Amino acid sequence: MNLEELKDISYRFMEKEYPHEAPYFHLAWEIFQDFLTGEPDSIVNLKPPRVRLNGDSTVMAPRVIQAYYILLLTYGEEIHALKESEEIRSMLMDVLSKKGISSSISEKIIDFLFESRKFAG
């Protein structure tokens, strides 16, 4: 898995969808890197974040990183060859749903994945 690609797409998504959180993305990324390099017995909670901004809004960066990690881990380089269709969208949604990612964030993540590929290619 290309971690730079994961970091890049996650950060660009955060800039677009949650610009107020983007300046703090590096903190979520550091936690994620700890998860990747941690001991097998260590536990890093990547479940929905408990941190709140301004009292009531949830910090989204950990979930965004986790969602793109799941997709890139599941499909690897093949993800770049997937043609956008309802069937493919449904397949990607199922993968994220099975891992506990909400449908609302999954839709945005998948939309951005295909959108960013259009501009890159």
PDB file of N, CA and C in Angstrom:
ATOM      1  N   MET A   1       0.847  -1.186   0.000  1.00  0.00           N
ATOM      2  CA  MET A   1       0.000   0.000   0.000  1.00  0.00           C
ATOM      3  C   MET A   1       0.886   1.241   0.000  1.00  0.00           C
ATOM      4  N   ASN A   2       0.492   2.199  -0.768  1.00  0.00           N
ATOM      5  CA  ASN A   2       1.211   3.461  -0.863  1.00  0.00           C
ATOM      6  C   ASN A   2       0.662   4.422   0.205  1.00  0.00           C
ATOM      7  N   LEU A   3       1.411   4.591   1.281  1.00  0.00           N
ATOM      8  CA  LEU A   3       0.945   5.448   2.378  1.00  0.00           C
ATOM      9  C   LEU A   3       0.868   6.914   1.983  1.00  0.00           C
ATOM     10  N   GLU A   4       1.736   7.344   1.074  1.00  0.00           N
ATOM     11  CA  GLU A   4       1.666   8.741   0.620  1.00  0.00           C
ATOM     12  C   GLU A   4       0.363   8.996  -0.130  1.00  0.00           C
ATOM     13  N   GLU A   5      -0.054   8.022  -0.923  1.00  0.00           N
ATOM     14  CA  GLU A   5      -1.329   8.140  -1.639  1.00  0.00           C
ATOM     15  C   GLU A   5      -2.488   8.191  -0.645  1.00  0.00           C
ATOM     16  N   LEU A   6      -2.427   7.337   0.362  1.00  0.00           N
ATOM     17  CA  LEU A   6      -3.460   7.324   1.405  1.00  0.00           C
ATOM     18  C   LEU A   6      -3.522   8.668   2.120  1.00  0.00           C
ATOM     19  N   LYS A   7      -2.367   9.174   2.505  1.00  0.00           N
ATOM     20  CA  LYS A   7      -2.312  10.457   3.201  1.00  0.00           C
ATOM     21  C   LYS A   7      -2.827  11.583   2.310  1.00  0.00           C
ATOM     22  N   ASP A   8      -2.408  11.568   1.050  1.00  0.00           N
ATOM     23  CA  ASP A   8      -2.788  12.630   0.115  1.00  0.00           C
ATOM     24  C   ASP A   8      -4.294  12.672  -0.122  1.00  0.00           C
ATOM     25  N   ILE A   9      -4.894  11.538  -0.453  1.00  0.00           N
ATOM     26  CA  ILE A   9      -6.325  11.555  -0.754  1.00  0.00           C
ATOM     27  C   ILE A   9      -7.141  11.860   0.497  1.00  0.00           C
ATOM     28  N   SER A  10      -6.702  11.365   1.641  1.00  0.00           N
ATOM     29  CA  SER A  10      -7.410  11.652   2.894  1.00  0.00           C
ATOM     30  C   SER A  10      -7.350  13.140   3.220  1.00  0.00           C
ATOM     31  N   TYR A  11      -6.172  13.727   3.057  1.00  0.00           N
ATOM     32  CA  TYR A  11      -6.014  15.150   3.357  1.00  0.00           C
ATOM     33  C   TYR A  11      -6.819  16.019   2.389  1.00  0.00           C
ATOM     34  N   ARG A  12      -6.757  15.695   1.099  1.00  0.00           N
ATOM     35  CA  ARG A  12      -7.521  16.476   0.119  1.00  0.00           C
ATOM     36  C   ARG A  12      -9.020  16.373   0.385  1.00  0.00           C
ATOM     37  N   PHE A  13      -9.480  15.199   0.795  1.00  0.00           N
ATOM     38  CA  PHE A  13     -10.887  15.033   1.148  1.00  0.00           C
ATOM     39  C   PHE A  13     -11.236  15.914   2.343  1.00  0.00           C
ATOM     40  N   MET A  14     -10.369  15.930   3.333  1.00  0.00           N
ATOM     41  CA  MET A  14     -10.605  16.755   4.525  1.00  0.00           C
ATOM     42  C   MET A  14     -10.643  18.235   4.158  1.00  0.00           C
ATOM     43  N   GLU A  15      -9.744  18.665   3.278  1.00  0.00           N
ATOM     44  CA  GLU A  15      -9.748  20.069   2.844  1.00  0.00           C
ATOM     45  C   GLU A  15     -11.070  20.445   2.184  1.00  0.00           C
ATOM     46  N   LYS A  16     -11.613  19.531   1.404  1.00  0.00           N
ATOM     47  CA  LYS A  16     -12.852  19.816   0.684  1.00  0.00           C
ATOM     48  C   LYS A  16     -14.077  19.726   1.592  1.00  0.00           C
ATOM     49  N   GLU A  17     -14.212  18.639   2.331  1.00  0.00           N
ATOM     50  CA  GLU A  17     -15.433  18.371   3.094  1.00  0.00           C
ATOM     51  C   GLU A  17     -15.426  18.946   4.511  1.00  0.00           C
ATOM     52  N   TYR A  18     -14.263  19.008   5.119  1.00  0.00           N
ATOM     53  CA  TYR A  18     -14.149  19.472   6.508  1.00  0.00           C
ATOM     54  C   TYR A  18     -12.971  20.438   6.637  1.00  0.00           C
ATOM     55  N   PRO A  19     -13.016  21.581   5.939  1.00  0.00           N
ATOM     56  CA  PRO A  19     -11.861  22.492   5.913  1.00  0.00           C
ATOM     57  C   PRO A  19     -11.457  23.009   7.292  1.00  0.00           C
ATOM     58  N   HIS A  20     -12.400  23.087   8.215  1.00  0.00           N
ATOM     59  CA  HIS A  20     -12.074  23.553   9.570  1.00  0.00           C
ATOM     60  C   HIS A  20     -11.206  22.544  10.323  1.00  0.00           C
ATOM     61  N   GLU A  21     -11.209  21.286   9.890  1.00  0.00           N
ATOM     62  CA  GLU A  21     -10.386  20.255  10.524  1.00  0.00           C
ATOM     63  C   GLU A  21      -9.046  20.045   9.829  1.00  0.00           C
ATOM     64  N   ALA A  22      -8.944  20.452   8.580  1.00  0.00           N
ATOM     65  CA  ALA A  22      -7.738  20.179   7.793  1.00  0.00           C
ATOM     66  C   ALA A  22      -6.439  20.615   8.480  1.00  0.00           C
ATOM     67  N   PRO A  23      -6.411  21.761   9.179  1.00  0.00           N
ATOM     68  CA  PRO A  23      -5.157  22.154   9.837  1.00  0.00           C
ATOM     69  C   PRO A  23      -4.690  21.171  10.921  1.00  0.00           C
ATOM     70  N   TYR A  24      -5.590  20.317  11.389  1.00  0.00           N
ATOM     71  CA  TYR A  24      -5.250  19.369  12.452  1.00  0.00           C
ATOM     72  C   TYR A  24      -5.107  17.948  11.929  1.00  0.00           C
ATOM     73  N   PHE A  25      -5.154  17.791  10.614  1.00  0.00           N
ATOM     74  CA  PHE A  25      -5.074  16.469  10.001  1.00  0.00           C
ATOM     75  C   PHE A  25      -3.820  15.721  10.444  1.00  0.00           C
ATOM     76  N   HIS A  26      -2.712  16.437  10.566  1.00  0.00           N
ATOM     77  CA  HIS A  26      -1.444  15.790  10.920  1.00  0.00           C
ATOM     78  C   HIS A  26      -1.536  15.017  12.232  1.00  0.00           C
ATOM     79  N   LEU A  27      -2.378  15.469  13.151  1.00  0.00           N
ATOM     80  CA  LEU A  27      -2.531  14.760  14.426  1.00  0.00           C
ATOM     81  C   LEU A  27      -3.177  13.391  14.214  1.00  0.00           C
ATOM     82  N   ALA A  28      -4.227  13.352  13.416  1.00  0.00           N
ATOM     83  CA  ALA A  28      -4.885  12.079  13.112  1.00  0.00           C
ATOM     84  C   ALA A  28      -3.936  11.165  12.336  1.00  0.00           C
ATOM     85  N   TRP A  29      -3.151  11.753  11.448  1.00  0.00           N
ATOM     86  CA  TRP A  29      -2.211  10.955  10.663  1.00  0.00           C
ATOM     87  C   TRP A  29      -1.150  10.328  11.564  1.00  0.00           C
ATOM     88  N   GLU A  30      -0.657  11.075  12.542  1.00  0.00           N
ATOM     89  CA  GLU A  30       0.337  10.534  13.481  1.00  0.00           C
ATOM     90  C   GLU A  30      -0.236   9.364  14.268  1.00  0.00           C
ATOM     91  N   ILE A  31      -1.474   9.483  14.696  1.00  0.00           N
ATOM     92  CA  ILE A  31      -2.127   8.387  15.423  1.00  0.00           C
ATOM     93  C   ILE A  31      -2.257   7.169  14.512  1.00  0.00           C
ATOM     94  N   PHE A  32      -2.628   7.401  13.272  1.00  0.00           N
ATOM     95  CA  PHE A  32      -2.762   6.302  12.318  1.00  0.00           C
ATOM     96  C   PHE A  32      -1.415   5.621  12.093  1.00  0.00           C
ATOM     97  N   GLN A  33      -0.353   6.392  11.966  1.00  0.00           N
ATOM     98  CA  GLN A  33       0.977   5.806  11.787  1.00  0.00           C
ATOM     99  C   GLN A  33       1.370   4.977  13.004  1.00  0.00           C
ATOM    100  N   ASP A  34       1.006   5.437  14.199  1.00  0.00           N
ATOM    101  CA  ASP A  34       1.257   4.650  15.408  1.00  0.00           C
ATOM    102  C   ASP A  34       0.526   3.317  15.333  1.00  0.00           C
ATOM    103  N   PHE A  35      -0.693   3.343  14.813  1.00  0.00           N
ATOM    104  CA  PHE A  35      -1.474   2.124  14.632  1.00  0.00           C
ATOM    105  C   PHE A  35      -0.743   1.163  13.692  1.00  0.00           C
ATOM    106  N   LEU A  36      -0.215   1.687  12.595  1.00  0.00           N
ATOM    107  CA  LEU A  36       0.458   0.838  11.614  1.00  0.00           C
ATOM    108  C   LEU A  36       1.765   0.256  12.127  1.00  0.00           C
ATOM    109  N   THR A  37       2.484   1.018  12.923  1.00  0.00           N
ATOM    110  CA  THR A  37       3.798   0.580  13.381  1.00  0.00           C
ATOM    111  C   THR A  37       3.782   0.007  14.787  1.00  0.00           C
ATOM    112  N   GLY A  38       2.620   0.006  15.418  1.00  0.00           N
ATOM    113  CA  GLY A  38       2.513  -0.467  16.791  1.00  0.00           C
ATOM    114  C   GLY A  38       2.744  -1.957  16.926  1.00  0.00           C
ATOM    115  N   GLU A  39       2.993  -2.356  18.140  1.00  0.00           N
ATOM    116  CA  GLU A  39       3.154  -3.767  18.454  1.00  0.00           C
ATOM    117  C   GLU A  39       1.840  -4.495  18.186  1.00  0.00           C
ATOM    118  N   PRO A  40       1.902  -5.759  17.811  1.00  0.00           N
ATOM    119  CA  PRO A  40       0.675  -6.506  17.532  1.00  0.00           C
ATOM    120  C   PRO A  40      -0.321  -6.504  18.694  1.00  0.00           C
ATOM    121  N   ASP A  41       0.181  -6.413  19.917  1.00  0.00           N
ATOM    122  CA  ASP A  41      -0.714  -6.429  21.073  1.00  0.00           C
ATOM    123  C   ASP A  41      -1.223  -5.046  21.456  1.00  0.00           C
ATOM    124  N   SER A  42      -0.647  -4.003  20.856  1.00  0.00           N
ATOM    125  CA  SER A  42      -1.093  -2.662  21.216  1.00  0.00           C
ATOM    126  C   SER A  42      -2.438  -2.383  20.571  1.00  0.00           C
ATOM    127  N   ILE A  43      -3.229  -1.586  21.240  1.00  0.00           N
ATOM    128  CA  ILE A  43      -4.568  -1.278  20.752  1.00  0.00           C
ATOM    129  C   ILE A  43      -4.666   0.215  20.505  1.00  0.00           C
ATOM    130  N   VAL A  44      -4.975   0.576  19.282  1.00  0.00           N
ATOM    131  CA  VAL A  44      -5.257   1.962  18.937  1.00  0.00           C
ATOM    132  C   VAL A  44      -6.692   1.967  18.465  1.00  0.00           C
ATOM    133  N   ASN A  45      -7.511   2.769  19.088  1.00  0.00           N
ATOM    134  CA  ASN A  45      -8.929   2.797  18.768  1.00  0.00           C
ATOM    135  C   ASN A  45      -9.178   3.634  17.525  1.00  0.00           C
ATOM    136  N   LEU A  46      -9.551   2.964  16.437  1.00  0.00           N
ATOM    137  CA  LEU A  46      -9.891   3.673  15.209  1.00  0.00           C
ATOM    138  C   LEU A  46     -11.401   3.730  15.021  1.00  0.00           C
ATOM    139  N   LYS A  47     -12.122   3.422  16.069  1.00  0.00           N
ATOM    140  CA  LYS A  47     -13.584   3.527  16.022  1.00  0.00           C
ATOM    141  C   LYS A  47     -13.951   5.002  15.981  1.00  0.00           C
ATOM    142  N   PRO A  48     -15.241   5.321  15.854  1.00  0.00           N
ATOM    143  CA  PRO A  48     -15.615   6.736  15.785  1.00  0.00           C
ATOM    144  C   PRO A  48     -14.936   7.541  16.892  1.00  0.00           C
ATOM    145  N   PRO A  49     -14.395   8.678  16.529  1.00  0.00           N
ATOM    146  CA  PRO A  49     -13.630   9.467  17.498  1.00  0.00           C
ATOM    147  C   PRO A  49     -14.481   9.986  18.646  1.00  0.00           C
ATOM    148  N   ARG A  50     -13.841  10.153  19.763  1.00  0.00           N
ATOM    149  CA  ARG A  50     -14.515  10.680  20.948  1.00  0.00           C
ATOM    150  C   ARG A  50     -14.190  12.154  21.150  1.00  0.00           C
ATOM    151  N   VAL A  51     -13.235  12.647  20.376  1.00  0.00           N
ATOM    152  CA  VAL A  51     -12.835  14.049  20.482  1.00  0.00           C
ATOM    153  C   VAL A  51     -13.895  14.910  19.811  1.00  0.00           C
ATOM    154  N   ARG A  52     -14.166  16.041  20.405  1.00  0.00           N
ATOM    155  CA  ARG A  52     -15.160  16.952  19.835  1.00  0.00           C
ATOM    156  C   ARG A  52     -14.530  18.323  19.644  1.00  0.00           C
ATOM    157  N   LEU A  53     -14.971  19.006  18.597  1.00  0.00           N
ATOM    158  CA  LEU A  53     -14.568  20.385  18.377  1.00  0.00           C
ATOM    159  C   LEU A  53     -15.722  21.277  18.786  1.00  0.00           C
ATOM    160  N   ASN A  54     -15.436  22.348  19.448  1.00  0.00           N
ATOM    161  CA  ASN A  54     -16.467  23.305  19.851  1.00  0.00           C
ATOM    162  C   ASN A  54     -17.646  22.644  20.553  1.00  0.00           C
ATOM    163  N   GLY A  55     -17.377  21.588  21.284  1.00  0.00           N
ATOM    164  CA  GLY A  55     -18.402  20.984  22.114  1.00  0.00           C
ATOM    165  C   GLY A  55     -19.299  19.958  21.482  1.00  0.00           C
ATOM    166  N   ASP A  56     -19.611  20.061  20.178  1.00  0.00           N
ATOM    167  CA  ASP A  56     -20.579  19.107  19.654  1.00  0.00           C
ATOM    168  C   ASP A  56     -20.257  18.507  18.289  1.00  0.00           C
ATOM    169  N   SER A  57     -19.280  18.998  17.571  1.00  0.00           N
ATOM    170  CA  SER A  57     -19.005  18.425  16.256  1.00  0.00           C
ATOM    171  C   SER A  57     -17.898  17.375  16.361  1.00  0.00           C
ATOM    172  N   THR A  58     -18.116  16.241  15.725  1.00  0.00           N
ATOM    173  CA  THR A  58     -17.180  15.125  15.781  1.00  0.00           C
ATOM    174  C   THR A  58     -15.987  15.364  14.864  1.00  0.00           C
ATOM    175  N   VAL A  59     -14.815  14.980  15.304  1.00  0.00           N
ATOM    176  CA  VAL A  59     -13.610  15.050  14.484  1.00  0.00           C
ATOM    177  C   VAL A  59     -13.668  13.901  13.477  1.00  0.00           C
ATOM    178  N   MET A  60     -13.599  14.221  12.204  1.00  0.00           N
ATOM    179  CA  MET A  60     -13.798  13.226  11.155  1.00  0.00           C
ATOM    180  C   MET A  60     -12.518  12.607  10.603  1.00  0.00           C
ATOM    181  N   ALA A  61     -11.385  13.244  10.763  1.00  0.00           N
ATOM    182  CA  ALA A  61     -10.148  12.777  10.126  1.00  0.00           C
ATOM    183  C   ALA A  61      -9.833  11.303  10.389  1.00  0.00           C
ATOM    184  N   PRO A  62      -9.956  10.800  11.620  1.00  0.00           N
ATOM    185  CA  PRO A  62      -9.645   9.379  11.831  1.00  0.00           C
ATOM    186  C   PRO A  62     -10.516   8.441  10.998  1.00  0.00           C
ATOM    187  N   ARG A  63     -11.784   8.763  10.850  1.00  0.00           N
ATOM    188  CA  ARG A  63     -12.688   7.914  10.066  1.00  0.00           C
ATOM    189  C   ARG A  63     -12.375   8.018   8.578  1.00  0.00           C
ATOM    190  N   VAL A  64     -12.021   9.196   8.129  1.00  0.00           N
ATOM    191  CA  VAL A  64     -11.679   9.385   6.716  1.00  0.00           C
ATOM    192  C   VAL A  64     -10.437   8.564   6.378  1.00  0.00           C
ATOM    193  N   ILE A  65      -9.412   8.670   7.190  1.00  0.00           N
ATOM    194  CA  ILE A  65      -8.186   7.898   6.972  1.00  0.00           C
ATOM    195  C   ILE A  65      -8.506   6.409   6.994  1.00  0.00           C
ATOM    196  N   GLN A  66      -9.293   5.989   7.968  1.00  0.00           N
ATOM    197  CA  GLN A  66      -9.643   4.577   8.079  1.00  0.00           C
ATOM    198  C   GLN A  66     -10.396   4.094   6.838  1.00  0.00           C
ATOM    199  N   ALA A  67     -11.328   4.878   6.344  1.00  0.00           N
ATOM    200  CA  ALA A  67     -12.119   4.470   5.178  1.00  0.00           C
ATOM    201  C   ALA A  67     -11.242   4.309   3.938  1.00  0.00           C
ATOM    202  N   TYR A  68     -10.387   5.292   3.674  1.00  0.00           N
ATOM    203  CA  TYR A  68      -9.509   5.167   2.509  1.00  0.00           C
ATOM    204  C   TYR A  68      -8.503   4.034   2.702  1.00  0.00           C
ATOM    205  N   TYR A  69      -8.056   3.816   3.921  1.00  0.00           N
ATOM    206  CA  TYR A  69      -7.157   2.696   4.228  1.00  0.00           C
ATOM    207  C   TYR A  69      -7.840   1.372   3.882  1.00  0.00           C
ATOM    208  N   ILE A  70      -9.082   1.227   4.282  1.00  0.00           N
ATOM    209  CA  ILE A  70      -9.837   0.003   3.996  1.00  0.00           C
ATOM    210  C   ILE A  70      -9.942  -0.212   2.488  1.00  0.00           C
ATOM    211  N   LEU A  71     -10.308   0.833   1.757  1.00  0.00           N
ATOM    212  CA  LEU A  71     -10.459   0.695   0.305  1.00  0.00           C
ATOM    213  C   LEU A  71      -9.133   0.365  -0.376  1.00  0.00           C
ATOM    214  N   LEU A  72      -8.069   1.073  -0.001  1.00  0.00           N
ATOM    215  CA  LEU A  72      -6.772   0.826  -0.635  1.00  0.00           C
ATOM    216  C   LEU A  72      -6.197  -0.527  -0.229  1.00  0.00           C
ATOM    217  N   LEU A  73      -6.447  -0.952   1.002  1.00  0.00           N
ATOM    218  CA  LEU A  73      -5.979  -2.254   1.453  1.00  0.00           C
ATOM    219  C   LEU A  73      -6.748  -3.371   0.745  1.00  0.00           C
ATOM    220  N   THR A  74      -8.037  -3.177   0.561  1.00  0.00           N
ATOM    221  CA  THR A  74      -8.883  -4.184  -0.078  1.00  0.00           C
ATOM    222  C   THR A  74      -8.595  -4.316  -1.571  1.00  0.00           C
ATOM    223  N   TYR A  75      -8.445  -3.194  -2.264  1.00  0.00           N
ATOM    224  CA  TYR A  75      -8.320  -3.222  -3.723  1.00  0.00           C
ATOM    225  C   TYR A  75      -6.929  -2.920  -4.255  1.00  0.00           C
ATOM    226  N   GLY A  76      -6.049  -2.375  -3.418  1.00  0.00           N
ATOM    227  CA  GLY A  76      -4.695  -2.070  -3.861  1.00  0.00           C
ATOM    228  C   GLY A  76      -4.685  -1.197  -5.103  1.00  0.00           C
ATOM    229  N   GLU A  77      -3.774  -1.482  -6.000  1.00  0.00           N
ATOM    230  CA  GLU A  77      -3.641  -0.699  -7.234  1.00  0.00           C
ATOM    231  C   GLU A  77      -4.851  -0.859  -8.155  1.00  0.00           C
ATOM    232  N   GLU A  78      -5.595  -1.944  -7.980  1.00  0.00           N
ATOM    233  CA  GLU A  78      -6.783  -2.176  -8.813  1.00  0.00           C
ATOM    234  C   GLU A  78      -7.820  -1.074  -8.642  1.00  0.00           C
ATOM    235  N   ILE A  79      -7.779  -0.377  -7.518  1.00  0.00           N
ATOM    236  CA  ILE A  79      -8.781   0.661  -7.268  1.00  0.00           C
ATOM    237  C   ILE A  79      -8.739   1.734  -8.351  1.00  0.00           C
ATOM    238  N   HIS A  80      -7.568   1.941  -8.944  1.00  0.00           N
ATOM    239  CA  HIS A  80      -7.422   2.958  -9.990  1.00  0.00           C
ATOM    240  C   HIS A  80      -8.049   2.516 -11.310  1.00  0.00           C
ATOM    241  N   ALA A  81      -8.253   1.220 -11.470  1.00  0.00           N
ATOM    242  CA  ALA A  81      -8.813   0.694 -12.716  1.00  0.00           C
ATOM    243  C   ALA A  81     -10.329   0.486 -12.642  1.00  0.00           C
ATOM    244  N   LEU A  82     -10.907   0.618 -11.455  1.00  0.00           N
ATOM    245  CA  LEU A  82     -12.350   0.408 -11.319  1.00  0.00           C
ATOM    246  C   LEU A  82     -13.112   1.478 -12.088  1.00  0.00           C
ATOM    247  N   LYS A  83     -14.030   1.048 -12.904  1.00  0.00           N
ATOM    248  CA  LYS A  83     -14.880   1.976 -13.664  1.00  0.00           C
ATOM    249  C   LYS A  83     -16.049   2.390 -12.785  1.00  0.00           C
ATOM    250  N   GLU A  84     -16.342   3.666 -12.795  1.00  0.00           N
ATOM    251  CA  GLU A  84     -17.446   4.169 -11.977  1.00  0.00           C
ATOM    252  C   GLU A  84     -18.774   3.653 -12.526  1.00  0.00           C
ATOM    253  N   SER A  85     -19.515   2.946 -11.676  1.00  0.00           N
ATOM    254  CA  SER A  85     -20.838   2.441 -12.026  1.00  0.00           C
ATOM    255  C   SER A  85     -21.599   2.209 -10.726  1.00  0.00           C
ATOM    256  N   GLU A  86     -22.884   2.010 -10.836  1.00  0.00           N
ATOM    257  CA  GLU A  86     -23.686   1.737  -9.637  1.00  0.00           C
ATOM    258  C   GLU A  86     -23.231   0.439  -8.975  1.00  0.00           C
ATOM    259  N   GLU A  87     -22.869  -0.543  -9.782  1.00  0.00           N
ATOM    260  CA  GLU A  87     -22.413  -1.827  -9.243  1.00  0.00           C
ATOM    261  C   GLU A  87     -21.114  -1.655  -8.445  1.00  0.00           C
ATOM    262  N   ILE A  88     -20.175  -0.910  -8.993  1.00  0.00           N
ATOM    263  CA  ILE A  88     -18.896  -0.665  -8.308  1.00  0.00           C
ATOM    264  C   ILE A  88     -19.126   0.164  -7.051  1.00  0.00           C
ATOM    265  N   ARG A  89     -19.951   1.191  -7.152  1.00  0.00           N
ATOM    266  CA  ARG A  89     -20.268   2.018  -5.976  1.00  0.00           C
ATOM    267  C   ARG A  89     -20.868   1.148  -4.873  1.00  0.00           C
ATOM    268  N   SER A  90     -21.784   0.276  -5.246  1.00  0.00           N
ATOM    269  CA  SER A  90     -22.427  -0.612  -4.279  1.00  0.00           C
ATOM    270  C   SER A  90     -21.402  -1.546  -3.634  1.00  0.00           C
ATOM    271  N   MET A  91     -20.476  -2.054  -4.433  1.00  0.00           N
ATOM    272  CA  MET A  91     -19.429  -2.932  -3.927  1.00  0.00           C
ATOM    273  C   MET A  91     -18.547  -2.193  -2.915  1.00  0.00           C
ATOM    274  N   LEU A  92     -18.144  -0.964  -3.248  1.00  0.00           N
ATOM    275  CA  LEU A  92     -17.312  -0.171  -2.339  1.00  0.00           C
ATOM    276  C   LEU A  92     -18.076   0.181  -1.065  1.00  0.00           C
ATOM    277  N   MET A  93     -19.351   0.527  -1.215  1.00  0.00           N
ATOM    278  CA  MET A  93     -20.193   0.841  -0.046  1.00  0.00           C
ATOM    279  C   MET A  93     -20.288  -0.369   0.877  1.00  0.00           C
ATOM    280  N   ASP A  94     -20.452  -1.561   0.298  1.00  0.00           N
ATOM    281  CA  ASP A  94     -20.547  -2.785   1.101  1.00  0.00           C
ATOM    282  C   ASP A  94     -19.277  -3.024   1.909  1.00  0.00           C
ATOM    283  N   VAL A  95     -18.131  -2.819   1.265  1.00  0.00           N
ATOM    284  CA  VAL A  95     -16.847  -3.011   1.956  1.00  0.00           C
ATOM    285  C   VAL A  95     -16.759  -2.076   3.160  1.00  0.00           C
ATOM    286  N   LEU A  96     -17.083  -0.804   2.955  1.00  0.00           N
ATOM    287  CA  LEU A  96     -16.996   0.170   4.048  1.00  0.00           C
ATOM    288  C   LEU A  96     -18.049  -0.101   5.116  1.00  0.00           C
ATOM    289  N   SER A  97     -19.233  -0.488   4.697  1.00  0.00           N
ATOM    290  CA  SER A  97     -20.310  -0.777   5.645  1.00  0.00           C
ATOM    291  C   SER A  97     -19.938  -1.938   6.565  1.00  0.00           C
ATOM    292  N   LYS A  98     -19.332  -2.973   6.004  1.00  0.00           N
ATOM    293  CA  LYS A  98     -18.926  -4.137   6.800  1.00  0.00           C
ATOM    294  C   LYS A  98     -17.876  -3.769   7.841  1.00  0.00           C
ATOM    295  N   LYS A  99     -17.161  -2.685   7.601  1.00  0.00           N
ATOM    296  CA  LYS A  99     -16.130  -2.226   8.544  1.00  0.00           C
ATOM    297  C   LYS A  99     -16.644  -1.121   9.462  1.00  0.00           C
ATOM    298  N   GLY A 100     -17.949  -0.853   9.407  1.00  0.00           N
ATOM    299  CA  GLY A 100     -18.547   0.101  10.343  1.00  0.00           C
ATOM    300  C   GLY A 100     -18.502   1.559   9.933  1.00  0.00           C
ATOM    301  N   ILE A 101     -18.207   1.837   8.679  1.00  0.00           N
ATOM    302  CA  ILE A 101     -18.194   3.219   8.201  1.00  0.00           C
ATOM    303  C   ILE A 101     -19.619   3.577   7.789  1.00  0.00           C
ATOM    304  N   SER A 102     -20.117   4.696   8.267  1.00  0.00           N
ATOM    305  CA  SER A 102     -21.504   5.084   7.987  1.00  0.00           C
ATOM    306  C   SER A 102     -21.722   5.309   6.495  1.00  0.00           C
ATOM    307  N   SER A 103     -22.959   5.107   6.063  1.00  0.00           N
ATOM    308  CA  SER A 103     -23.266   5.258   4.637  1.00  0.00           C
ATOM    309  C   SER A 103     -23.100   6.702   4.169  1.00  0.00           C
ATOM    310  N   SER A 104     -23.392   7.662   5.035  1.00  0.00           N
ATOM    311  CA  SER A 104     -23.280   9.065   4.609  1.00  0.00           C
ATOM    312  C   SER A 104     -21.829   9.451   4.326  1.00  0.00           C
ATOM    313  N   ILE A 105     -20.909   9.054   5.188  1.00  0.00           N
ATOM    314  CA  ILE A 105     -19.499   9.376   4.943  1.00  0.00           C
ATOM    315  C   ILE A 105     -18.953   8.508   3.813  1.00  0.00           C
ATOM    316  N   SER A 106     -19.419   7.268   3.714  1.00  0.00           N
ATOM    317  CA  SER A 106     -18.968   6.379   2.638  1.00  0.00           C
ATOM    318  C   SER A 106     -19.306   6.951   1.273  1.00  0.00           C
ATOM    319  N   GLU A 107     -20.505   7.469   1.119  1.00  0.00           N
ATOM    320  CA  GLU A 107     -20.908   8.056  -0.160  1.00  0.00           C
ATOM    321  C   GLU A 107     -19.993   9.212  -0.545  1.00  0.00           C
ATOM    322  N   LYS A 108     -19.709  10.083   0.423  1.00  0.00           N
ATOM    323  CA  LYS A 108     -18.826  11.221   0.146  1.00  0.00           C
ATOM    324  C   LYS A 108     -17.421  10.752  -0.232  1.00  0.00           C
ATOM    325  N   ILE A 109     -16.931   9.746   0.481  1.00  0.00           N
ATOM    326  CA  ILE A 109     -15.588   9.226   0.247  1.00  0.00           C
ATOM    327  C   ILE A 109     -15.481   8.602  -1.143  1.00  0.00           C
ATOM    328  N   ILE A 110     -16.484   7.831  -1.518  1.00  0.00           N
ATOM    329  CA  ILE A 110     -16.484   7.191  -2.834  1.00  0.00           C
ATOM    330  C   ILE A 110     -16.638   8.234  -3.935  1.00  0.00           C
ATOM    331  N   ASP A 111     -17.522   9.205  -3.731  1.00  0.00           N
ATOM    332  CA  ASP A 111     -17.664  10.297  -4.706  1.00  0.00           C
ATOM    333  C   ASP A 111     -16.329  10.992  -4.927  1.00  0.00           C
ATOM    334  N   PHE A 112     -15.645  11.313  -3.830  1.00  0.00           N
ATOM    335  CA  PHE A 112     -14.370  12.019  -3.934  1.00  0.00           C
ATOM    336  C   PHE A 112     -13.312  11.152  -4.607  1.00  0.00           C
ATOM    337  N   LEU A 113     -13.325   9.863  -4.330  1.00  0.00           N
ATOM    338  CA  LEU A 113     -12.377   8.945  -4.957  1.00  0.00           C
ATOM    339  C   LEU A 113     -12.508   9.008  -6.477  1.00  0.00           C
ATOM    340  N   PHE A 114     -13.725   8.889  -6.981  1.00  0.00           N
ATOM    341  CA  PHE A 114     -13.932   8.935  -8.430  1.00  0.00           C
ATOM    342  C   PHE A 114     -13.688  10.336  -8.990  1.00  0.00           C
ATOM    343  N   GLU A 115     -14.110  11.351  -8.257  1.00  0.00           N
ATOM    344  CA  GLU A 115     -13.901  12.736  -8.693  1.00  0.00           C
ATOM    345  C   GLU A 115     -12.412  13.051  -8.814  1.00  0.00           C
ATOM    346  N   SER A 116     -11.630  12.647  -7.833  1.00  0.00           N
ATOM    347  CA  SER A 116     -10.196  12.950  -7.850  1.00  0.00           C
ATOM    348  C   SER A 116      -9.485  12.194  -8.966  1.00  0.00           C
ATOM    349  N   ARG A 117      -9.978  11.028  -9.318  1.00  0.00           N
ATOM    350  CA  ARG A 117      -9.382  10.277 -10.428  1.00  0.00           C
ATOM    351  C   ARG A 117      -9.644  10.967 -11.757  1.00  0.00           C
ATOM    352  N   LYS A 118     -10.811  11.580 -11.905  1.00  0.00           N
ATOM    353  CA  LYS A 118     -11.138  12.283 -13.150  1.00  0.00           C
ATOM    354  C   LYS A 118     -10.166  13.430 -13.389  1.00  0.00           C
ATOM    355  N   PHE A 119      -9.835  14.158 -12.315  1.00  0.00           N
ATOM    356  CA  PHE A 119      -8.938  15.301 -12.455  1.00  0.00           C
ATOM    357  C   PHE A 119      -7.485  14.867 -12.593  1.00  0.00           C
ATOM    358  N   ALA A 120      -7.150  13.711 -12.037  1.00  0.00           N
ATOM    359  CA  ALA A 120      -5.774  13.217 -12.119  1.00  0.00           C
ATOM    360  C   ALA A 120      -5.485  12.584 -13.477  1.00  0.00           C
ATOM    361  N   GLY A 121      -6.512  12.002 -14.089  1.00  0.00           N
ATOM    362  CA  GLY A 121      -6.293  11.284 -15.344  1.00  0.00           C
ATOM    363  C   GLY A 121      -6.837  12.039 -16.464  1.00  0.00           C
TER     364      GLY A 121
END
